[in-house]
PDB file of all heavy atoms in Angstrom:
ATOM      1  N   ALA A   1     135.324  97.326 117.041  1.00  0.00           N
ATOM      2  CA  ALA A   1     134.843  98.136 118.111  1.00  0.00           C
ATOM      3  C   ALA A   1     133.738  99.088 117.642  1.00  0.00           C
ATOM      4  O   ALA A   1     132.577  99.224 118.194  1.00  0.00           O
ATOM      5  CB  ALA A   1     135.976  98.868 119.018  1.00  0.00           C
ATOM      6  N   LEU A   2     134.121  99.682 116.575  1.00  0.00           N
ATOM      7  CA  LEU A   2     133.128 100.730 115.861  1.00  0.00           C
ATOM      8  C   LEU A   2     131.953 100.015 115.380  1.00  0.00           C
ATOM      9  O   LEU A   2     130.956 100.524 115.439  1.00  0.00           O
ATOM     10  CB  LEU A   2     133.911 101.584 114.856  1.00  0.00           C
ATOM     11  CG  LEU A   2     134.910 102.514 115.300  1.00  0.00           C
ATOM     12  CD1 LEU A   2     135.582 103.215 114.118  1.00  0.00           C
ATOM     13  CD2 LEU A   2     134.268 103.590 116.089  1.00  0.00           C
ATOM     14  N   SER A   3     132.286  98.692 114.850  1.00  0.00           N
ATOM     15  CA  SER A   3     131.182  98.111 114.268  1.00  0.00           C
ATOM     16  C   SER A   3     130.131  97.536 115.323  1.00  0.00           C
ATOM     17  O   SER A   3     128.997  97.551 115.101  1.00  0.00           O
ATOM     18  CB  SER A   3     131.659  96.877 113.425  1.00  0.00           C
ATOM     19  OG  SER A   3     132.539  97.284 112.405  1.00  0.00           O
ATOM     20  N   LEU A   4     130.688  97.118 116.408  1.00  0.00           N
ATOM     21  CA  LEU A   4     129.895  96.811 117.629  1.00  0.00           C
ATOM     22  C   LEU A   4     129.132  97.906 118.125  1.00  0.00           C
ATOM     23  O   LEU A   4     127.939  97.732 118.556  1.00  0.00           O
ATOM     24  CB  LEU A   4     130.706  96.092 118.633  1.00  0.00           C
ATOM     25  CG  LEU A   4     131.283  94.821 118.277  1.00  0.00           C
ATOM     26  CD1 LEU A   4     132.301  94.264 119.426  1.00  0.00           C
ATOM     27  CD2 LEU A   4     130.226  93.712 118.022  1.00  0.00           C
ATOM     28  N   LEU A   5     129.657  99.178 118.110  1.00  0.00           N
ATOM     29  CA  LEU A   5     128.840 100.374 118.526  1.00  0.00           C
ATOM     30  C   LEU A   5     127.699 100.602 117.559  1.00  0.00           C
ATOM     31  O   LEU A   5     126.654 100.766 117.955  1.00  0.00           O
ATOM     32  CB  LEU A   5     129.884 101.534 118.663  1.00  0.00           C
ATOM     33  CG  LEU A   5     129.364 102.823 118.867  1.00  0.00           C
ATOM     34  CD1 LEU A   5     128.683 102.823 120.338  1.00  0.00           C
ATOM     35  CD2 LEU A   5     130.336 103.890 118.855  1.00  0.00           C
ATOM     36  N   VAL A   6     128.041 100.462 116.302  1.00  0.00           N
ATOM     37  CA  VAL A   6     127.075 100.737 115.263  1.00  0.00           C
ATOM     38  C   VAL A   6     125.949  99.645 115.322  1.00  0.00           C
ATOM     39  O   VAL A   6     124.739  99.977 115.214  1.00  0.00           O
ATOM     40  CB  VAL A   6     127.577 100.634 113.769  1.00  0.00           C
ATOM     41  CG1 VAL A   6     126.524 100.632 112.743  1.00  0.00           C
ATOM     42  CG2 VAL A   6     128.516 101.735 113.621  1.00  0.00           C
ATOM     43  N   ALA A   7     126.287  98.486 115.641  1.00  0.00           N
ATOM     44  CA  ALA A   7     125.448  97.352 115.793  1.00  0.00           C
ATOM     45  C   ALA A   7     124.459  97.544 117.022  1.00  0.00           C
ATOM     46  O   ALA A   7     123.216  97.351 117.023  1.00  0.00           O
ATOM     47  CB  ALA A   7     126.078  96.036 115.870  1.00  0.00           C
ATOM     48  N   THR A   8     125.077  98.049 118.054  1.00  0.00           N
ATOM     49  CA  THR A   8     124.252  98.409 119.307  1.00  0.00           C
ATOM     50  C   THR A   8     123.288  99.491 119.045  1.00  0.00           C
ATOM     51  O   THR A   8     121.950  99.312 119.418  1.00  0.00           O
ATOM     52  CB  THR A   8     125.249  98.937 120.414  1.00  0.00           C
ATOM     53  OG1 THR A   8     126.176  97.840 120.677  1.00  0.00           O
ATOM     54  CG2 THR A   8     124.398  99.132 121.618  1.00  0.00           C
ATOM     55  N   VAL A   9     123.548 100.419 118.204  1.00  0.00           N
ATOM     56  CA  VAL A   9     122.653 101.582 117.701  1.00  0.00           C
ATOM     57  C   VAL A   9     121.567 101.002 116.923  1.00  0.00           C
ATOM     58  O   VAL A   9     120.398 101.269 117.045  1.00  0.00           O
ATOM     59  CB  VAL A   9     123.397 102.708 117.187  1.00  0.00           C
ATOM     60  CG1 VAL A   9     122.360 103.645 116.568  1.00  0.00           C
ATOM     61  CG2 VAL A   9     124.336 103.349 118.083  1.00  0.00           C
ATOM     62  N   ALA A  10     121.973 100.078 115.913  1.00  0.00           N
ATOM     63  CA  ALA A  10     121.088  99.532 114.951  1.00  0.00           C
ATOM     64  C   ALA A  10     120.043  98.676 115.693  1.00  0.00           C
ATOM     65  O   ALA A  10     118.769  98.629 115.306  1.00  0.00           O
ATOM     66  CB  ALA A  10     121.783  98.708 113.944  1.00  0.00           C
ATOM     67  N   PHE A  11     120.373  97.998 116.845  1.00  0.00           N
ATOM     68  CA  PHE A  11     119.442  97.146 117.475  1.00  0.00           C
ATOM     69  C   PHE A  11     118.323  97.944 118.146  1.00  0.00           C
ATOM     70  O   PHE A  11     117.170  97.461 118.417  1.00  0.00           O
ATOM     71  CB  PHE A  11     120.289  96.291 118.635  1.00  0.00           C
ATOM     72  CG  PHE A  11     119.394  95.440 119.342  1.00  0.00           C
ATOM     73  CD1 PHE A  11     119.107  94.269 118.967  1.00  0.00           C
ATOM     74  CD2 PHE A  11     118.833  95.819 120.601  1.00  0.00           C
ATOM     75  CE1 PHE A  11     118.282  93.297 119.680  1.00  0.00           C
ATOM     76  CE2 PHE A  11     118.011  94.959 121.336  1.00  0.00           C
ATOM     77  CZ  PHE A  11     117.756  93.760 120.899  1.00  0.00           C
ATOM     78  N   GLN A  12     118.618  99.220 118.360  1.00  0.00           N
ATOM     79  CA  GLN A  12     117.652 100.130 119.147  1.00  0.00           C
ATOM     80  C   GLN A  12     116.390 100.354 118.222  1.00  0.00           C
ATOM     81  O   GLN A  12     115.312 100.751 118.818  1.00  0.00           O
ATOM     82  CB  GLN A  12     118.218 101.246 119.621  1.00  0.00           C
ATOM     83  CG  GLN A  12     119.432 101.093 120.437  1.00  0.00           C
ATOM     84  CD  GLN A  12     119.313 100.204 121.647  1.00  0.00           C
ATOM     85  OE1 GLN A  12     118.334 100.415 122.374  1.00  0.00           O
ATOM     86  NE2 GLN A  12     120.249  99.290 121.837  1.00  0.00           N
ATOM     87  N   PHE A  13     116.486 100.298 116.934  1.00  0.00           N
ATOM     88  CA  PHE A  13     115.438 100.764 116.033  1.00  0.00           C
ATOM     89  C   PHE A  13     114.499  99.548 115.798  1.00  0.00           C
ATOM     90  O   PHE A  13     114.951  98.541 115.392  1.00  0.00           O
ATOM     91  CB  PHE A  13     116.014 101.207 114.760  1.00  0.00           C
ATOM     92  CG  PHE A  13     116.741 102.522 114.849  1.00  0.00           C
ATOM     93  CD1 PHE A  13     118.167 102.464 114.969  1.00  0.00           C
ATOM     94  CD2 PHE A  13     116.189 103.778 115.050  1.00  0.00           C
ATOM     95  CE1 PHE A  13     118.853 103.700 115.100  1.00  0.00           C
ATOM     96  CE2 PHE A  13     116.859 104.945 115.058  1.00  0.00           C
ATOM     97  CZ  PHE A  13     118.262 104.899 115.088  1.00  0.00           C
ATOM     98  N   PRO A  14     113.181  99.790 115.869  1.00  0.00           N
ATOM     99  CA  PRO A  14     112.134  98.687 115.731  1.00  0.00           C
ATOM    100  C   PRO A  14     112.266  98.372 114.251  1.00  0.00           C
ATOM    101  O   PRO A  14     112.571  99.258 113.294  1.00  0.00           O
ATOM    102  CB  PRO A  14     110.897  99.203 116.266  1.00  0.00           C
ATOM    103  CG  PRO A  14     111.149 100.793 116.306  1.00  0.00           C
ATOM    104  CD  PRO A  14     112.468 101.012 116.513  1.00  0.00           C
ATOM    105  N   LEU A  15     111.708  97.160 113.787  1.00  0.00           N
ATOM    106  CA  LEU A  15     111.707  96.809 112.419  1.00  0.00           C
ATOM    107  C   LEU A  15     110.659  97.725 111.625  1.00  0.00           C
ATOM    108  O   LEU A  15     111.011  97.782 110.374  1.00  0.00           O
ATOM    109  CB  LEU A  15     111.396  95.351 112.306  1.00  0.00           C
ATOM    110  CG  LEU A  15     112.406  94.339 112.308  1.00  0.00           C
ATOM    111  CD1 LEU A  15     113.267  94.540 111.080  1.00  0.00           C
ATOM    112  CD2 LEU A  15     113.310  94.427 113.404  1.00  0.00           C
ATOM    113  N   ARG A  16     109.695  98.304 112.161  1.00  0.00           N
ATOM    114  CA  ARG A  16     108.811  99.053 111.306  1.00  0.00           C
ATOM    115  C   ARG A  16     109.593 100.432 110.772  1.00  0.00           C
ATOM    116  O   ARG A  16     109.357 100.851 109.745  1.00  0.00           O
ATOM    117  CB  ARG A  16     107.704  99.591 112.222  1.00  0.00           C
ATOM    118  CG  ARG A  16     107.971 100.252 113.541  1.00  0.00           C
ATOM    119  CD  ARG A  16     106.684 100.521 114.310  1.00  0.00           C
ATOM    120  NE  ARG A  16     107.024 101.030 115.659  1.00  0.00           N
ATOM    121  CZ  ARG A  16     107.338 102.297 115.865  1.00  0.00           C
ATOM    122  NH1 ARG A  16     107.340 103.209 114.855  1.00  0.00           N
ATOM    123  NH2 ARG A  16     107.588 102.816 117.088  1.00  0.00           N
ATOM    124  N   LEU A  17     110.580 100.878 111.633  1.00  0.00           N
ATOM    125  CA  LEU A  17     111.354 101.953 111.201  1.00  0.00           C
ATOM    126  C   LEU A  17     112.392 101.662 110.168  1.00  0.00           C
ATOM    127  O   LEU A  17     112.530 102.333 109.177  1.00  0.00           O
ATOM    128  CB  LEU A  17     112.193 102.572 112.411  1.00  0.00           C
ATOM    129  CG  LEU A  17     111.331 103.398 113.467  1.00  0.00           C
ATOM    130  CD1 LEU A  17     112.132 103.977 114.468  1.00  0.00           C
ATOM    131  CD2 LEU A  17     110.407 104.510 112.772  1.00  0.00           C
ATOM    132  N   TRP A  18     112.909 100.410 110.243  1.00  0.00           N
ATOM    133  CA  TRP A  18     113.772  99.857 109.041  1.00  0.00           C
ATOM    134  C   TRP A  18     112.927  99.681 107.856  1.00  0.00           C
ATOM    135  O   TRP A  18     113.458 100.028 106.736  1.00  0.00           O
ATOM    136  CB  TRP A  18     114.423  98.641 109.581  1.00  0.00           C
ATOM    137  CG  TRP A  18     115.492  98.610 110.503  1.00  0.00           C
ATOM    138  CD1 TRP A  18     115.538  98.296 111.860  1.00  0.00           C
ATOM    139  CD2 TRP A  18     116.897  99.169 110.355  1.00  0.00           C
ATOM    140  NE1 TRP A  18     116.706  98.490 112.399  1.00  0.00           N
ATOM    141  CE2 TRP A  18     117.552  99.125 111.640  1.00  0.00           C
ATOM    142  CE3 TRP A  18     117.408  99.731 109.186  1.00  0.00           C
ATOM    143  CZ2 TRP A  18     118.836  99.597 111.628  1.00  0.00           C
ATOM    144  CZ3 TRP A  18     118.772 100.268 109.270  1.00  0.00           C
ATOM    145  CH2 TRP A  18     119.396 100.115 110.506  1.00  0.00           C
ATOM    146  N   GLN A  19     111.672  99.284 107.968  1.00  0.00           N
ATOM    147  CA  GLN A  19     110.953  99.071 106.736  1.00  0.00           C
ATOM    148  C   GLN A  19     110.664 100.435 106.097  1.00  0.00           C
ATOM    149  O   GLN A  19     110.714 100.593 104.899  1.00  0.00           O
ATOM    150  CB  GLN A  19     109.673  98.314 107.056  1.00  0.00           C
ATOM    151  CG  GLN A  19     108.628  98.057 105.949  1.00  0.00           C
ATOM    152  CD  GLN A  19     107.479  97.243 106.188  1.00  0.00           C
ATOM    153  OE1 GLN A  19     107.207  96.969 107.354  1.00  0.00           O
ATOM    154  NE2 GLN A  19     106.781  96.854 105.269  1.00  0.00           N
ATOM    155  N   GLN A  20     110.339 101.501 106.927  1.00  0.00           N
ATOM    156  CA  GLN A  20     110.054 102.861 106.381  1.00  0.00           C
ATOM    157  C   GLN A  20     111.362 103.438 105.730  1.00  0.00           C
ATOM    158  O   GLN A  20     111.182 104.065 104.709  1.00  0.00           O
ATOM    159  CB  GLN A  20     109.516 103.736 107.531  1.00  0.00           C
ATOM    160  CG  GLN A  20     108.233 103.440 108.072  1.00  0.00           C
ATOM    161  CD  GLN A  20     107.938 104.076 109.247  1.00  0.00           C
ATOM    162  OE1 GLN A  20     108.582 104.960 109.813  1.00  0.00           O
ATOM    163  NE2 GLN A  20     106.776 103.750 110.000  1.00  0.00           N
ATOM    164  N   ALA A  21     112.498 103.110 106.268  1.00  0.00           N
ATOM    165  CA  ALA A  21     113.825 103.641 105.829  1.00  0.00           C
ATOM    166  C   ALA A  21     114.315 102.841 104.614  1.00  0.00           C
ATOM    167  O   ALA A  21     115.226 103.404 103.943  1.00  0.00           O
ATOM    168  CB  ALA A  21     114.761 103.727 106.921  1.00  0.00           C
ATOM    169  N   ALA A  22     113.812 101.679 104.294  1.00  0.00           N
ATOM    170  CA  ALA A  22     114.402 100.669 103.391  1.00  0.00           C
ATOM    171  C   ALA A  22     114.581 101.353 101.984  1.00  0.00           C
ATOM    172  O   ALA A  22     115.696 101.297 101.345  1.00  0.00           O
ATOM    173  CB  ALA A  22     113.557  99.424 103.239  1.00  0.00           C
ATOM    174  N   PRO A  23     113.569 101.991 101.394  1.00  0.00           N
ATOM    175  CA  PRO A  23     113.813 102.616  99.971  1.00  0.00           C
ATOM    176  C   PRO A  23     114.728 103.737 100.089  1.00  0.00           C
ATOM    177  O   PRO A  23     115.481 103.791  99.115  1.00  0.00           O
ATOM    178  CB  PRO A  23     112.348 103.092  99.787  1.00  0.00           C
ATOM    179  CG  PRO A  23     111.401 102.399 100.592  1.00  0.00           C
ATOM    180  CD  PRO A  23     112.163 102.093 101.861  1.00  0.00           C
ATOM    181  N   TYR A  24     114.856 104.445 101.212  1.00  0.00           N
ATOM    182  CA  TYR A  24     115.912 105.668 101.182  1.00  0.00           C
ATOM    183  C   TYR A  24     117.206 105.080 101.457  1.00  0.00           C
ATOM    184  O   TYR A  24     118.179 105.588 100.775  1.00  0.00           O
ATOM    185  CB  TYR A  24     115.374 106.597 102.303  1.00  0.00           C
ATOM    186  CG  TYR A  24     113.989 107.073 102.226  1.00  0.00           C
ATOM    187  CD1 TYR A  24     112.957 106.595 102.980  1.00  0.00           C
ATOM    188  CD2 TYR A  24     113.703 108.044 101.316  1.00  0.00           C
ATOM    189  CE1 TYR A  24     111.713 107.017 102.871  1.00  0.00           C
ATOM    190  CE2 TYR A  24     112.350 108.444 101.155  1.00  0.00           C
ATOM    191  CZ  TYR A  24     111.359 107.926 101.914  1.00  0.00           C
ATOM    192  OH  TYR A  24     110.147 108.404 101.787  1.00  0.00           O
ATOM    193  N   LEU A  25     117.399 104.025 102.231  1.00  0.00           N
ATOM    194  CA  LEU A  25     118.649 103.364 102.432  1.00  0.00           C
ATOM    195  C   LEU A  25     119.243 102.843 101.025  1.00  0.00           C
ATOM    196  O   LEU A  25     120.403 102.992 100.679  1.00  0.00           O
ATOM    197  CB  LEU A  25     118.599 102.304 103.393  1.00  0.00           C
ATOM    198  CG  LEU A  25     118.426 102.841 104.858  1.00  0.00           C
ATOM    199  CD1 LEU A  25     118.319 101.625 105.918  1.00  0.00           C
ATOM    200  CD2 LEU A  25     119.696 103.691 105.346  1.00  0.00           C
ATOM    201  N   PHE A  26     118.222 102.263 100.283  1.00  0.00           N
ATOM    202  CA  PHE A  26     118.611 101.662  99.092  1.00  0.00           C
ATOM    203  C   PHE A  26     119.125 102.764  97.969  1.00  0.00           C
ATOM    204  O   PHE A  26     120.109 102.576  97.312  1.00  0.00           O
ATOM    205  CB  PHE A  26     117.428 100.789  98.388  1.00  0.00           C
ATOM    206  CG  PHE A  26     117.741  99.977  97.254  1.00  0.00           C
ATOM    207  CD1 PHE A  26     118.329  98.765  97.434  1.00  0.00           C
ATOM    208  CD2 PHE A  26     117.429 100.417  95.878  1.00  0.00           C
ATOM    209  CE1 PHE A  26     118.646  97.938  96.224  1.00  0.00           C
ATOM    210  CE2 PHE A  26     117.809  99.663  94.785  1.00  0.00           C
ATOM    211  CZ  PHE A  26     118.304  98.378  94.959  1.00  0.00           C
ATOM    212  N   LEU A  27     118.375 103.861  98.032  1.00  0.00           N
ATOM    213  CA  LEU A  27     118.851 104.983  97.156  1.00  0.00           C
ATOM    214  C   LEU A  27     120.142 105.477  97.578  1.00  0.00           C
ATOM    215  O   LEU A  27     120.937 105.942  96.819  1.00  0.00           O
ATOM    216  CB  LEU A  27     117.808 106.092  97.277  1.00  0.00           C
ATOM    217  CG  LEU A  27     116.413 105.792  96.348  1.00  0.00           C
ATOM    218  CD1 LEU A  27     115.421 106.879  96.742  1.00  0.00           C
ATOM    219  CD2 LEU A  27     116.615 105.808  94.954  1.00  0.00           C
ATOM    220  N   LEU A  28     120.432 105.582  98.968  1.00  0.00           N
ATOM    221  CA  LEU A  28     121.681 106.077  99.409  1.00  0.00           C
ATOM    222  C   LEU A  28     122.733 105.147  98.924  1.00  0.00           C
ATOM    223  O   LEU A  28     123.853 105.525  98.530  1.00  0.00           O
ATOM    224  CB  LEU A  28     121.664 105.967 100.908  1.00  0.00           C
ATOM    225  CG  LEU A  28     122.909 106.300 101.589  1.00  0.00           C
ATOM    226  CD1 LEU A  28     123.514 107.732 101.308  1.00  0.00           C
ATOM    227  CD2 LEU A  28     122.788 106.071 103.193  1.00  0.00           C
ATOM    228  N   GLY A  29     122.596 103.820  98.981  1.00  0.00           N
ATOM    229  CA  GLY A  29     123.550 102.789  98.525  1.00  0.00           C
ATOM    230  C   GLY A  29     123.746 102.976  97.076  1.00  0.00           C
ATOM    231  O   GLY A  29     125.010 102.870  96.618  1.00  0.00           O
ATOM    232  N   ALA A  30     122.693 103.194  96.256  1.00  0.00           N
ATOM    233  CA  ALA A  30     122.947 103.294  94.851  1.00  0.00           C
ATOM    234  C   ALA A  30     123.626 104.648  94.566  1.00  0.00           C
ATOM    235  O   ALA A  30     124.490 104.606  93.727  1.00  0.00           O
ATOM    236  CB  ALA A  30     121.570 103.370  94.123  1.00  0.00           C
ATOM    237  N   GLY A  31     123.310 105.646  95.315  1.00  0.00           N
ATOM    238  CA  GLY A  31     124.233 106.923  95.111  1.00  0.00           C
ATOM    239  C   GLY A  31     125.724 106.719  95.433  1.00  0.00           C
ATOM    240  O   GLY A  31     126.594 107.323  94.753  1.00  0.00           O
ATOM    241  N   LEU A  32     125.969 105.950  96.561  1.00  0.00           N
ATOM    242  CA  LEU A  32     127.342 105.778  96.771  1.00  0.00           C
ATOM    243  C   LEU A  32     128.096 104.885  95.754  1.00  0.00           C
ATOM    244  O   LEU A  32     129.209 105.139  95.417  1.00  0.00           O
ATOM    245  CB  LEU A  32     127.397 104.963  98.153  1.00  0.00           C
ATOM    246  CG  LEU A  32     126.982 105.816  99.332  1.00  0.00           C
ATOM    247  CD1 LEU A  32     127.063 104.886 100.679  1.00  0.00           C
ATOM    248  CD2 LEU A  32     127.907 106.907  99.619  1.00  0.00           C
ATOM    249  N   LEU A  33     127.248 103.902  95.122  1.00  0.00           N
ATOM    250  CA  LEU A  33     127.917 103.198  94.128  1.00  0.00           C
ATOM    251  C   LEU A  33     128.262 104.050  92.793  1.00  0.00           C
ATOM    252  O   LEU A  33     129.135 103.809  92.081  1.00  0.00           O
ATOM    253  CB  LEU A  33     126.871 102.002  93.682  1.00  0.00           C
ATOM    254  CG  LEU A  33     126.791 100.930  94.666  1.00  0.00           C
ATOM    255  CD1 LEU A  33     125.752  99.793  94.164  1.00  0.00           C
ATOM    256  CD2 LEU A  33     128.148 100.184  94.937  1.00  0.00           C
ATOM    257  N   VAL A  34     127.356 105.008  92.603  1.00  0.00           N
ATOM    258  CA  VAL A  34     127.639 105.948  91.502  1.00  0.00           C
ATOM    259  C   VAL A  34     128.856 106.835  91.876  1.00  0.00           C
ATOM    260  O   VAL A  34     129.666 107.089  90.971  1.00  0.00           O
ATOM    261  CB  VAL A  34     126.358 106.852  91.134  1.00  0.00           C
ATOM    262  CG1 VAL A  34     126.694 107.935  90.170  1.00  0.00           C
ATOM    263  CG2 VAL A  34     125.257 106.002  90.701  1.00  0.00           C
ATOM    264  N   LEU A  35     128.822 107.311  93.099  1.00  0.00           N
ATOM    265  CA  LEU A  35     129.933 108.161  93.555  1.00  0.00           C
ATOM    266  C   LEU A  35     131.321 107.522  93.426  1.00  0.00           C
ATOM    267  O   LEU A  35     132.227 108.147  93.075  1.00  0.00           O
ATOM    268  CB  LEU A  35     129.630 108.552  95.002  1.00  0.00           C
ATOM    269  CG  LEU A  35     130.495 109.751  95.535  1.00  0.00           C
ATOM    270  CD1 LEU A  35     130.324 111.027  94.696  1.00  0.00           C
ATOM    271  CD2 LEU A  35     130.180 110.035  97.101  1.00  0.00           C
ATOM    272  N   VAL A  36     131.372 106.207  93.722  1.00  0.00           N
ATOM    273  CA  VAL A  36     132.640 105.505  93.797  1.00  0.00           C
ATOM    274  C   VAL A  36     133.297 105.361  92.287  1.00  0.00           C
ATOM    275  O   VAL A  36     134.444 105.270  92.268  1.00  0.00           O
ATOM    276  CB  VAL A  36     132.471 104.187  94.270  1.00  0.00           C
ATOM    277  CG1 VAL A  36     131.954 103.048  93.352  1.00  0.00           C
ATOM    278  CG2 VAL A  36     133.827 103.668  94.945  1.00  0.00           C
ATOM    279  N   LEU A  37     132.294 105.512  91.329  1.00  0.00           N
ATOM    280  CA  LEU A  37     132.768 105.516  89.813  1.00  0.00           C
ATOM    281  C   LEU A  37     133.331 106.728  89.333  1.00  0.00           C
ATOM    282  O   LEU A  37     133.901 106.859  88.250  1.00  0.00           O
ATOM    283  CB  LEU A  37     131.697 104.822  89.071  1.00  0.00           C
ATOM    284  CG  LEU A  37     131.321 103.395  89.345  1.00  0.00           C
ATOM    285  CD1 LEU A  37     130.036 103.077  88.498  1.00  0.00           C
ATOM    286  CD2 LEU A  37     132.437 102.489  89.094  1.00  0.00           C
ATOM    287  N   VAL A  38     133.115 107.948  89.985  1.00  0.00           N
ATOM    288  CA  VAL A  38     133.487 109.110  89.610  1.00  0.00           C
ATOM    289  C   VAL A  38     134.940 109.262  89.681  1.00  0.00           C
ATOM    290  O   VAL A  38     135.591 109.015  90.761  1.00  0.00           O
ATOM    291  CB  VAL A  38     132.830 110.375  90.539  1.00  0.00           C
ATOM    292  CG1 VAL A  38     133.384 111.573  90.085  1.00  0.00           C
ATOM    293  CG2 VAL A  38     131.377 110.202  90.415  1.00  0.00           C
ATOM    294  N   PRO A  39     135.709 109.626  88.517  1.00  0.00           N
ATOM    295  CA  PRO A  39     137.092 109.757  88.574  1.00  0.00           C
ATOM    296  C   PRO A  39     137.576 110.725  89.638  1.00  0.00           C
ATOM    297  O   PRO A  39     137.028 111.957  89.695  1.00  0.00           O
ATOM    298  CB  PRO A  39     137.381 110.225  87.077  1.00  0.00           C
ATOM    299  CG  PRO A  39     136.173 109.697  86.355  1.00  0.00           C
ATOM    300  CD  PRO A  39     135.155 109.831  87.166  1.00  0.00           C
ATOM    301  N   GLY A  40     138.482 110.315  90.322  1.00  0.00           N
ATOM    302  CA  GLY A  40     139.105 111.404  91.323  1.00  0.00           C
ATOM    303  C   GLY A  40     138.394 111.228  92.682  1.00  0.00           C
ATOM    304  O   GLY A  40     138.871 111.795  93.705  1.00  0.00           O
TER     305      GLY A  40
END
């Protein structure tokens, strides 16, 4: 249910906004991958 809600929101954004956000989302993902390796 939450995933479908997130998908509904994601559908509202045009592709030009996704393109502008792509580098920042990639950096966010890299940061989360670093964070998951931190002990504790």
